[in-house]
Amino acid sequence: MATQKLYAGAKLREMRQRLELTQKDFAAKLGVSLPYLNQMENNNRPVSTTVVLALAQEFGMDVTELSAGDSERLVSDMREAMADPVFADDAPPLADLRLTASNAPALARAFLALHRAYRQTHERLASLDEALGREDARIQASPWEEVRDFFHYCDNYIDAVDHAAERFAATSDIRAAAIAELERGGIKVRQTEMEGLRHYDAEAQVLHLSNRSAPQTQLFQMLLQVALLGQNTLLEATLDFAKFQSEEARAIAKIGLANYFAGAALMPYTRFLEAAQACRHDLELLAIRFGASIEQIAHRLSTMQRPGAKGVPFFFVRVDQAGTITKRHSATRLQFARFGGACPLWNVHRAFETPGRFLRQLAETPDGVRYISLARDVSKPGGSFGAPVRRYAIALGCEVRHADALVYADGMDVSQDSAYEPIGISCRICERKDCHQRSVPPLERRLTINTDQRGVLPYEVS
């Protein structure tokens, strides 16, 4: 099998600019000529083995980052944007999208931001009678989507926050450490009969936690409050770096970072990674050991992307009963639809039918990549009789080449072609011609309509 050439011009350029080096100085440190570096930065030449070794030795760079990064995400997101009917007659070929993602990632992100603004403007015009006369009827990115994309392109791993949480969790009793940290700030913790999960009374300096919540939920909320108060400087610095467009997005992101700190403190990176590898990623065993929920464990596994100490690259997604994606992250080549729901052939949707059980699935995407996927329903009780129960399903998975690292792969014949179910991302960018669950035609295919016959679909995909 031929060795795949590595083109990582954008990564090289970003690293050089971060180190504040000229091309001449950077080339000297890498042991290559200036023209050669220029060609690599512009993706006219692949990154050589000599340069890869120099990056590791001279700068301590995790060279796996060269082949990871944003390229696959950008390509997936641009393909989905191009599936918009407005581009129906002018959609560029996939090769052009890959070139743009590799050579001009900033341009790709700008295009995605522009398309997002277009969608929001279109949706606002569709309900013009409601928008007319409103002072806040302005065109700007949805704060929620802006924050979602921030974490998406950070690989769902925030290094400084993760390290700070790990340092905080150095003690063996994390609950006692959280209470002690709050008490050092003059804050008392009280269990209260209340509807929500947490309420901090800044004036009285009392943190109220719902006595209806499970112990692990109460601990998580305490750690979140520790982050908001004790790690405020770090969180604000991270927010400054992100440069959000609105105060709403910044506020949502701050809560997200505080949640990240709480999860990373509850499941410290090094200890959690070692435990996950030792039990072959058994979610139930990890939940017991770290006092966390199944969903928290699955979400944490998807963040294990620390340079130099990466875990298995997982994807993680949570959907509601309508199939809408409410949480999504992928450290794999599988990317999720930015708008709408997930592929109906995916086992995450069947999890609602088998509450309390793990469902396993071997799946193959249209690009030929094969995955093992684990799905389970997660219910969030209201805490009292008659209170509404929030029901979701989560999925966690990785490429099948990592199957040996998962206890859930035991007994599955990953070598059998017929064992893999075909799944996609969204119908508009899925090119499968014979899918019985297709909702709309694929973007880049011509259709044949025969009024004299009808198959599963009212058209045939050429």
Protein backbone atom coordinates (compact mmCIF):
# COMPACT_ATOMS: atom_id res chain seq x y z
CA MET A 1 0.00 0.00 0.00
CA ALA A 2 1.42 3.39 -1.02
CA THR A 3 2.30 5.80 1.76
CA GLN A 4 -0.07 8.75 1.85
CA LYS A 5 1.67 12.11 1.43
CA LEU A 6 1.13 14.66 4.18
CA TYR A 7 0.10 18.15 3.14
CA ALA A 8 -0.17 20.46 6.15
CA GLY A 9 0.71 23.92 4.90
CA ALA A 10 -1.90 25.75 6.98
CA LYS A 11 -0.70 24.01 10.17
CA LEU A 12 2.94 24.87 9.45
CA ARG A 13 2.04 28.48 8.75
CA GLU A 14 -0.08 28.76 11.92
CA MET A 15 2.71 27.29 14.05
CA ARG A 16 5.34 29.64 12.59
CA GLN A 17 3.13 32.66 13.20
CA ARG A 18 2.39 31.51 16.73
CA LEU A 19 6.15 31.26 17.40
CA GLU A 20 6.60 34.72 15.82
CA LEU A 21 9.29 33.43 13.45
CA THR A 22 10.04 34.60 9.93
CA GLN A 23 10.06 32.03 7.16
CA LYS A 24 13.85 32.32 7.03
CA ASP A 25 14.31 31.60 10.77
CA PHE A 26 11.71 28.82 10.75
CA ALA A 27 13.38 27.16 7.75
CA ALA A 28 16.76 27.30 9.51
CA LYS A 29 15.37 25.60 12.62
CA LEU A 30 13.74 22.89 10.50
CA GLY A 31 16.92 22.34 8.47
CA VAL A 32 15.36 23.11 5.09
CA SER A 33 15.79 25.87 2.52
CA LEU A 34 13.54 28.92 2.45
CA PRO A 35 11.99 28.04 -0.96
CA TYR A 36 11.27 24.50 0.26
CA LEU A 37 9.46 25.83 3.37
CA ASN A 38 7.50 28.25 1.22
CA GLN A 39 6.37 25.40 -1.01
CA MET A 40 5.31 23.30 1.98
CA GLU A 41 3.35 26.18 3.53
CA ASN A 42 1.48 26.61 0.25
CA ASN A 43 0.86 22.86 -0.09
CA ASN A 44 2.91 22.66 -3.26
CA ARG A 45 5.05 20.00 -1.57
CA PRO A 46 4.24 17.47 1.16
CA VAL A 47 5.81 17.77 4.60
CA SER A 48 8.97 15.68 4.58
CA THR A 49 10.03 13.18 7.23
CA THR A 50 12.97 15.44 8.11
CA VAL A 51 10.58 18.31 8.88
CA VAL A 52 8.27 16.10 10.92
CA LEU A 53 11.21 14.95 13.08
CA ALA A 54 12.48 18.53 13.43
CA LEU A 55 9.05 19.73 14.56
CA ALA A 56 9.01 17.08 17.27
CA GLN A 57 12.61 17.59 18.41
CA GLU A 58 12.99 21.35 18.04
CA PHE A 59 9.51 22.47 19.14
CA GLY A 60 8.11 19.44 21.00
CA MET A 61 5.15 19.36 18.63
CA ASP A 62 2.74 16.42 18.66
CA VAL A 63 3.13 15.55 14.99
CA THR A 64 -0.26 13.79 14.91
CA GLU A 65 -1.73 17.29 14.91
CA LEU A 66 -0.44 17.77 11.38
CA SER A 67 -2.85 15.22 9.99
CA ALA A 68 -5.71 16.08 12.34
CA GLY A 69 -7.01 19.59 12.78
CA ASP A 70 -9.90 21.28 11.05
CA SER A 71 -9.65 20.07 7.44
CA GLU A 72 -12.15 17.19 7.60
CA ARG A 73 -14.59 19.25 9.67
CA LEU A 74 -14.38 22.18 7.27
CA VAL A 75 -14.96 19.95 4.25
CA SER A 76 -17.98 18.32 5.90
CA ASP A 77 -19.44 21.66 6.99
CA MET A 78 -18.90 23.23 3.57
CA ARG A 79 -20.52 20.25 1.83
CA GLU A 80 -23.55 20.65 4.06
CA ALA A 81 -23.70 24.40 3.39
CA MET A 82 -23.42 23.73 -0.35
CA ALA A 83 -26.42 21.41 -0.05
CA ASP A 84 -28.54 24.54 0.42
CA PRO A 85 -30.84 24.89 -2.63
CA VAL A 86 -29.40 28.35 -3.27
CA PHE A 87 -26.21 26.61 -4.52
CA ALA A 88 -28.03 23.89 -6.46
CA ASP A 89 -26.71 24.90 -9.88
CA ASP A 90 -23.25 26.08 -8.84
CA ALA A 91 -21.98 23.63 -6.24
CA PRO A 92 -18.20 23.16 -6.57
CA PRO A 93 -16.74 19.64 -6.72
CA LEU A 94 -15.53 17.94 -3.57
CA ALA A 95 -11.89 18.31 -4.68
CA ASP A 96 -12.24 22.10 -4.67
CA LEU A 97 -13.68 22.06 -1.15
CA ARG A 98 -10.75 19.97 0.06
CA LEU A 99 -8.28 22.38 -1.52
CA THR A 100 -10.00 25.33 0.17
CA ALA A 101 -10.02 23.61 3.58
CA SER A 102 -6.32 22.73 3.28
CA ASN A 103 -4.97 25.92 1.71
CA ALA A 104 -7.35 28.61 2.93
CA PRO A 105 -9.06 27.51 6.17
CA ALA A 106 -9.78 31.12 7.17
CA LEU A 107 -11.66 31.63 3.91
CA ALA A 108 -13.62 28.42 4.53
CA ARG A 109 -14.65 29.60 8.01
CA ALA A 110 -15.66 33.00 6.60
CA PHE A 111 -17.83 31.26 3.99
CA LEU A 112 -19.51 29.16 6.70
CA ALA A 113 -20.18 32.28 8.78
CA LEU A 114 -21.67 34.00 5.73
CA HIS A 115 -23.90 31.02 4.95
CA ARG A 116 -25.04 30.85 8.56
CA ALA A 117 -25.99 34.54 8.42
CA TYR A 118 -27.86 33.90 5.15
CA ARG A 119 -29.85 31.04 6.71
CA GLN A 120 -30.79 33.12 9.72
CA THR A 121 -31.82 36.03 7.53
CA HIS A 122 -33.92 33.68 5.39
CA GLU A 123 -35.62 32.24 8.48
CA ARG A 124 -36.27 35.73 9.83
CA LEU A 125 -37.86 36.82 6.55
CA ALA A 126 -40.05 33.71 6.62
CA SER A 127 -41.61 35.06 9.81
CA LEU A 128 -41.46 38.74 8.89
CA ASP A 129 -44.73 39.58 10.58
CA GLU A 130 -43.15 38.67 13.93
CA ALA A 131 -39.85 40.42 13.25
CA LEU A 132 -41.26 43.74 12.02
CA GLY A 133 -40.90 46.52 14.53
CA ARG A 134 -38.53 44.65 16.81
CA GLU A 135 -35.41 46.57 17.72
CA ASP A 136 -33.44 43.35 18.16
CA ALA A 137 -34.27 42.08 14.68
CA ARG A 138 -30.66 42.27 13.56
CA ILE A 139 -28.57 39.97 11.41
CA GLN A 140 -25.89 38.21 13.39
CA ALA A 141 -24.79 34.72 14.26
CA SER A 142 -26.94 32.76 16.67
CA PRO A 143 -25.07 32.86 20.00
CA TRP A 144 -25.78 29.18 20.55
CA GLU A 145 -24.41 28.17 17.13
CA GLU A 146 -21.38 30.45 17.56
CA VAL A 147 -20.46 28.74 20.83
CA ARG A 148 -21.14 25.30 19.37
CA ASP A 149 -18.73 26.01 16.52
CA PHE A 150 -16.10 27.33 18.95
CA PHE A 151 -15.95 24.03 20.80
CA HIS A 152 -16.29 22.09 17.53
CA TYR A 153 -13.16 23.65 16.04
CA CYS A 154 -11.23 23.41 19.32
CA ASP A 155 -11.58 19.62 18.99
CA ASN A 156 -13.78 19.85 22.11
CA TYR A 157 -10.54 20.04 24.12
CA ILE A 158 -9.55 23.24 25.99
CA ASP A 159 -5.99 22.62 27.14
CA ALA A 160 -5.56 25.36 29.78
CA VAL A 161 -8.93 24.65 31.41
CA ASP A 162 -8.31 20.89 31.34
CA HIS A 163 -4.92 21.25 33.05
CA ALA A 164 -6.36 23.61 35.68
CA ALA A 165 -9.12 21.11 36.47
CA GLU A 166 -6.61 18.27 36.74
CA ARG A 167 -4.51 20.28 39.20
CA PHE A 168 -7.61 21.02 41.27
CA ALA A 169 -8.56 17.33 41.31
CA ALA A 170 -5.16 16.20 42.65
CA THR A 171 -6.84 15.39 45.99
CA SER A 172 -8.44 11.99 46.46
CA ASP A 173 -11.75 13.44 47.75
CA ILE A 174 -13.03 15.78 45.06
CA ARG A 175 -16.30 16.50 46.88
CA ALA A 176 -14.47 17.63 50.01
CA ALA A 177 -12.11 19.71 47.86
CA ALA A 178 -15.02 21.44 46.14
CA ILE A 179 -16.74 22.27 49.43
CA ALA A 180 -13.46 23.47 50.96
CA GLU A 181 -12.76 25.71 47.94
CA LEU A 182 -16.20 27.29 48.19
CA GLU A 183 -15.89 27.76 51.95
CA ARG A 184 -12.52 29.47 51.49
CA GLY A 185 -14.40 32.03 49.45
CA GLY A 186 -16.94 32.44 52.24
CA ILE A 187 -19.63 30.47 50.39
CA LYS A 188 -21.93 28.06 52.20
CA VAL A 189 -23.48 25.06 50.44
CA ARG A 190 -27.11 24.24 51.20
CA GLN A 191 -29.42 21.51 49.89
CA THR A 192 -32.76 23.12 49.10
CA GLU A 193 -36.20 22.10 47.87
CA MET A 194 -36.15 23.79 44.47
CA GLU A 195 -37.10 23.27 40.81
CA GLY A 196 -33.69 23.93 39.22
CA LEU A 197 -30.33 22.29 39.84
CA ARG A 198 -28.32 25.18 41.25
CA HIS A 199 -28.84 28.74 42.49
CA TYR A 200 -26.02 30.95 43.73
CA ASP A 201 -27.10 33.83 45.97
CA ALA A 202 -24.16 36.21 45.57
CA GLU A 203 -25.43 38.63 48.19
CA ALA A 204 -25.89 36.01 50.91
CA GLN A 205 -22.94 33.93 49.54
CA VAL A 206 -24.96 30.74 49.62
CA LEU A 207 -24.92 28.04 46.93
CA HIS A 208 -28.28 26.26 46.85
CA LEU A 209 -28.36 22.76 45.33
CA SER A 210 -31.56 20.85 44.62
CA ASN A 211 -32.11 18.04 47.09
CA ARG A 212 -33.91 16.20 44.30
CA SER A 213 -30.72 15.84 42.29
CA ALA A 214 -28.52 12.75 42.30
CA PRO A 215 -25.25 13.05 44.31
CA GLN A 216 -23.12 13.14 41.15
CA THR A 217 -25.28 15.97 39.76
CA GLN A 218 -24.85 17.96 42.97
CA LEU A 219 -21.08 17.44 42.85
CA PHE A 220 -20.96 18.53 39.22
CA GLN A 221 -22.86 21.72 40.05
CA MET A 222 -20.48 22.47 42.94
CA LEU A 223 -17.49 22.08 40.62
CA LEU A 224 -19.16 24.31 38.06
CA GLN A 225 -19.53 27.02 40.73
CA VAL A 226 -15.87 26.54 41.70
CA ALA A 227 -14.95 27.22 38.08
CA LEU A 228 -17.10 30.36 37.84
CA LEU A 229 -15.65 31.84 41.01
CA GLY A 230 -12.16 30.36 41.50
CA GLN A 231 -11.17 30.08 37.82
CA ASN A 232 -12.79 33.27 36.54
CA THR A 233 -9.51 34.81 35.31
CA LEU A 234 -8.71 31.72 33.24
CA LEU A 235 -12.22 31.52 31.81
CA GLU A 236 -12.24 35.21 30.88
CA ALA A 237 -8.84 34.91 29.17
CA THR A 238 -10.12 31.98 27.12
CA LEU A 239 -13.22 33.98 26.17
CA ASP A 240 -11.05 36.93 25.10
CA PHE A 241 -9.14 34.59 22.80
CA ALA A 242 -12.38 33.32 21.21
CA LYS A 243 -13.57 36.83 20.22
CA PHE A 244 -17.29 36.15 20.28
CA GLN A 245 -19.55 38.49 18.36
CA SER A 246 -22.08 39.11 21.14
CA GLU A 247 -22.31 39.24 24.91
CA GLU A 248 -24.91 36.47 24.77
CA ALA A 249 -22.45 34.13 23.01
CA ARG A 250 -19.72 35.03 25.49
CA ALA A 251 -22.05 34.29 28.43
CA ILE A 252 -23.13 30.94 26.95
CA ALA A 253 -19.49 30.04 26.28
CA LYS A 254 -18.54 30.90 29.87
CA ILE A 255 -21.12 28.43 31.14
CA GLY A 256 -19.75 25.91 28.64
CA LEU A 257 -16.20 26.41 29.89
CA ALA A 258 -17.36 26.09 33.49
CA ASN A 259 -19.10 22.86 32.58
CA TYR A 260 -15.90 21.71 30.88
CA PHE A 261 -13.90 22.45 34.05
CA ALA A 262 -16.43 20.54 36.18
CA GLY A 263 -16.28 17.49 33.93
CA ALA A 264 -12.48 17.58 33.73
CA ALA A 265 -12.20 17.90 37.53
CA LEU A 266 -14.65 15.06 38.09
CA MET A 267 -12.73 12.94 35.57
CA PRO A 268 -9.09 14.18 35.61
CA TYR A 269 -7.40 13.65 32.26
CA THR A 270 -4.45 11.37 33.12
CA ARG A 271 -6.30 9.27 35.69
CA PHE A 272 -9.39 9.00 33.51
CA LEU A 273 -7.40 8.03 30.40
CA GLU A 274 -5.52 5.31 32.29
CA ALA A 275 -8.77 3.94 33.78
CA ALA A 276 -10.52 4.00 30.39
CA GLN A 277 -7.70 2.10 28.73
CA ALA A 278 -7.51 -0.42 31.59
CA CYS A 279 -11.22 -1.32 31.44
CA ARG A 280 -11.35 -1.01 27.64
CA HIS A 281 -13.74 1.94 27.81
CA ASP A 282 -16.48 0.20 29.78
CA LEU A 283 -18.83 3.13 30.41
CA GLU A 284 -20.60 1.56 33.38
CA LEU A 285 -17.36 0.73 35.20
CA LEU A 286 -16.05 4.25 34.57
CA ALA A 287 -19.32 5.77 35.81
CA ILE A 288 -19.02 3.86 39.09
CA ARG A 289 -15.34 4.68 39.55
CA PHE A 290 -15.66 8.41 38.89
CA GLY A 291 -19.13 8.98 40.31
CA ALA A 292 -20.46 10.31 37.02
CA SER A 293 -23.41 9.58 34.75
CA ILE A 294 -23.17 7.50 31.58
CA GLU A 295 -23.65 10.65 29.49
CA GLN A 296 -20.87 12.49 31.36
CA ILE A 297 -18.51 9.55 30.83
CA ALA A 298 -19.29 9.35 27.10
CA HIS A 299 -18.87 13.11 26.68
CA ARG A 300 -15.53 13.07 28.53
CA LEU A 301 -14.22 10.25 26.34
CA SER A 302 -14.79 12.45 23.30
CA THR A 303 -12.50 15.16 24.75
CA MET A 304 -9.39 13.01 25.27
CA GLN A 305 -7.30 14.84 22.68
CA ARG A 306 -4.44 16.29 24.74
CA PRO A 307 -1.30 16.70 22.57
CA GLY A 308 1.17 13.95 23.38
CA ALA A 309 -1.37 11.92 25.36
CA LYS A 310 -4.34 11.34 23.07
CA GLY A 311 -6.91 8.66 23.72
CA VAL A 312 -9.05 6.82 21.21
CA PRO A 313 -10.62 9.43 18.89
CA PHE A 314 -14.34 9.12 19.58
CA PHE A 315 -17.42 10.81 18.22
CA PHE A 316 -20.19 11.70 20.68
CA VAL A 317 -23.71 12.86 19.94
CA ARG A 318 -26.95 13.38 21.85
CA VAL A 319 -30.34 13.51 20.13
CA ASP A 320 -33.85 14.19 21.39
CA GLN A 321 -36.92 12.12 20.57
CA ALA A 322 -37.52 14.16 17.41
CA GLY A 323 -34.06 13.24 16.15
CA THR A 324 -32.64 16.75 16.61
CA ILE A 325 -28.97 16.83 17.57
CA THR A 326 -28.57 18.68 20.88
CA LYS A 327 -24.89 17.88 21.48
CA ARG A 328 -22.31 16.83 18.94
CA HIS A 329 -18.58 16.34 18.73
CA SER A 330 -16.29 14.21 16.62
CA ALA A 331 -12.57 13.60 16.88
CA THR A 332 -13.01 11.13 14.00
CA ARG A 333 -13.57 11.62 10.28
CA LEU A 334 -17.32 11.28 10.89
CA GLN A 335 -18.89 14.73 11.12
CA PHE A 336 -22.48 15.55 12.02
CA ALA A 337 -24.99 17.73 10.23
CA ARG A 338 -24.85 21.34 11.41
CA PHE A 339 -28.56 21.74 10.72
CA GLY A 340 -31.35 19.20 11.20
CA GLY A 341 -31.14 15.67 12.52
CA ALA A 342 -28.92 12.63 12.23
CA CYS A 343 -29.16 9.80 9.70
CA PRO A 344 -32.28 7.71 10.54
CA LEU A 345 -30.36 4.47 9.87
CA TRP A 346 -28.08 5.14 12.83
CA ASN A 347 -28.67 3.06 15.96
CA VAL A 348 -28.93 6.15 18.19
CA HIS A 349 -32.58 6.51 17.13
CA ARG A 350 -33.40 2.91 18.12
CA ALA A 351 -32.09 3.48 21.65
CA PHE A 352 -35.46 4.95 22.69
CA GLU A 353 -37.06 1.57 21.94
CA THR A 354 -34.79 -0.33 24.36
CA PRO A 355 -34.44 1.82 27.52
CA GLY A 356 -31.56 0.93 29.82
CA ARG A 357 -29.72 -1.16 27.23
CA PHE A 358 -26.62 -0.52 25.15
CA LEU A 359 -27.09 -1.04 21.42
CA ARG A 360 -24.08 -1.88 19.26
CA GLN A 361 -23.76 -1.20 15.56
CA LEU A 362 -21.14 -1.62 12.88
CA ALA A 363 -21.65 1.15 10.35
CA GLU A 364 -20.07 2.37 7.14
CA THR A 365 -20.28 5.93 5.79
CA PRO A 366 -20.39 6.73 2.04
CA ASP A 367 -16.64 7.48 2.04
CA GLY A 368 -15.98 3.84 2.96
CA VAL A 369 -14.86 4.49 6.55
CA ARG A 370 -16.15 1.94 9.04
CA TYR A 371 -17.17 2.61 12.63
CA ILE A 372 -18.37 0.86 15.73
CA SER A 373 -21.17 2.79 17.41
CA LEU A 374 -22.66 2.40 20.88
CA ALA A 375 -26.06 3.92 21.68
CA ARG A 376 -28.20 4.19 24.79
CA ASP A 377 -31.15 6.22 26.01
CA VAL A 378 -30.63 8.62 28.90
CA SER A 379 -33.55 9.94 30.92
CA LYS A 380 -33.50 13.00 33.16
CA PRO A 381 -36.35 12.73 35.72
CA GLY A 382 -38.17 15.86 36.82
CA GLY A 383 -37.73 14.99 40.51
CA SER A 384 -41.38 14.68 41.51
CA PHE A 385 -44.59 12.94 40.51
CA GLY A 386 -46.04 14.49 37.40
CA ALA A 387 -42.87 16.41 36.56
CA PRO A 388 -41.86 16.04 32.90
CA VAL A 389 -39.10 13.55 32.09
CA ARG A 390 -36.53 14.71 29.56
CA ARG A 391 -35.52 11.86 27.29
CA TYR A 392 -32.48 11.74 25.06
CA ALA A 393 -30.34 9.13 23.37
CA ILE A 394 -26.56 9.27 23.18
CA ALA A 395 -24.12 7.61 20.81
CA LEU A 396 -20.40 7.06 21.25
CA GLY A 397 -18.21 5.49 18.64
CA CYS A 398 -14.89 5.31 16.85
CA GLU A 399 -13.35 3.92 13.71
CA VAL A 400 -13.40 0.15 13.68
CA ARG A 401 -9.59 -0.02 13.63
CA HIS A 402 -9.78 0.83 17.36
CA ALA A 403 -12.24 -2.00 18.09
CA ASP A 404 -9.71 -3.96 20.15
CA ALA A 405 -9.67 -1.08 22.65
CA LEU A 406 -13.45 -1.37 23.25
CA VAL A 407 -15.07 -4.03 25.39
CA TYR A 408 -18.24 -3.46 23.35
CA ALA A 409 -16.59 -4.88 20.23
CA ASP A 410 -16.21 -8.33 21.84
CA GLY A 411 -18.16 -10.94 19.90
CA MET A 412 -18.66 -8.73 16.84
CA ASP A 413 -17.21 -9.90 13.54
CA VAL A 414 -15.64 -6.67 12.33
CA SER A 415 -14.07 -8.44 9.36
CA GLN A 416 -17.42 -9.38 7.80
CA ASP A 417 -18.54 -6.90 5.12
CA SER A 418 -22.20 -7.79 5.56
CA ALA A 419 -22.08 -6.80 9.24
CA TYR A 420 -21.83 -3.09 8.41
CA GLU A 421 -24.95 -0.99 8.01
CA PRO A 422 -24.82 1.96 5.60
CA ILE A 423 -25.27 5.34 7.31
CA GLY A 424 -24.73 8.92 6.17
CA ILE A 425 -24.55 12.46 7.53
CA SER A 426 -27.57 14.16 5.97
CA CYS A 427 -29.60 13.23 2.92
CA ARG A 428 -28.51 16.23 0.85
CA ILE A 429 -24.84 15.28 1.00
CA CYS A 430 -25.26 11.50 1.13
CA GLU A 431 -24.77 9.98 -2.31
CA ARG A 432 -26.28 6.56 -1.65
CA LYS A 433 -28.72 5.85 -4.46
CA ASP A 434 -30.67 2.99 -2.88
CA CYS A 435 -31.41 4.28 0.64
CA HIS A 436 -34.97 3.42 1.67
CA GLN A 437 -34.97 6.18 4.32
CA ARG A 438 -33.96 9.06 2.04
CA SER A 439 -35.98 12.23 2.72
CA VAL A 440 -34.62 14.54 -0.03
CA PRO A 441 -32.50 13.91 -3.14
CA PRO A 442 -28.71 14.20 -2.99
CA LEU A 443 -27.31 17.53 -4.12
CA GLU A 444 -24.84 16.46 -6.82
CA ARG A 445 -26.94 13.80 -8.59
CA ARG A 446 -29.39 14.03 -11.46
CA LEU A 447 -32.84 12.53 -10.98
CA THR A 448 -34.97 10.41 -13.26
CA ILE A 449 -38.73 10.54 -12.75
CA ASN A 450 -40.90 7.88 -14.37
CA THR A 451 -44.63 8.54 -14.09
CA ASP A 452 -45.39 4.94 -15.05
CA GLN A 453 -43.73 3.29 -12.07
CA ARG A 454 -42.95 3.88 -8.42
CA GLY A 455 -40.28 2.29 -6.25
CA VAL A 456 -39.38 3.09 -2.66
CA LEU A 457 -38.76 6.69 -3.77
CA PRO A 458 -40.75 8.71 -6.35
CA TYR A 459 -37.55 9.21 -8.35
CA GLU A 460 -34.36 7.39 -9.31
CA VAL A 461 -30.94 8.78 -8.53
CA SER A 462 -28.59 8.67 -11.50
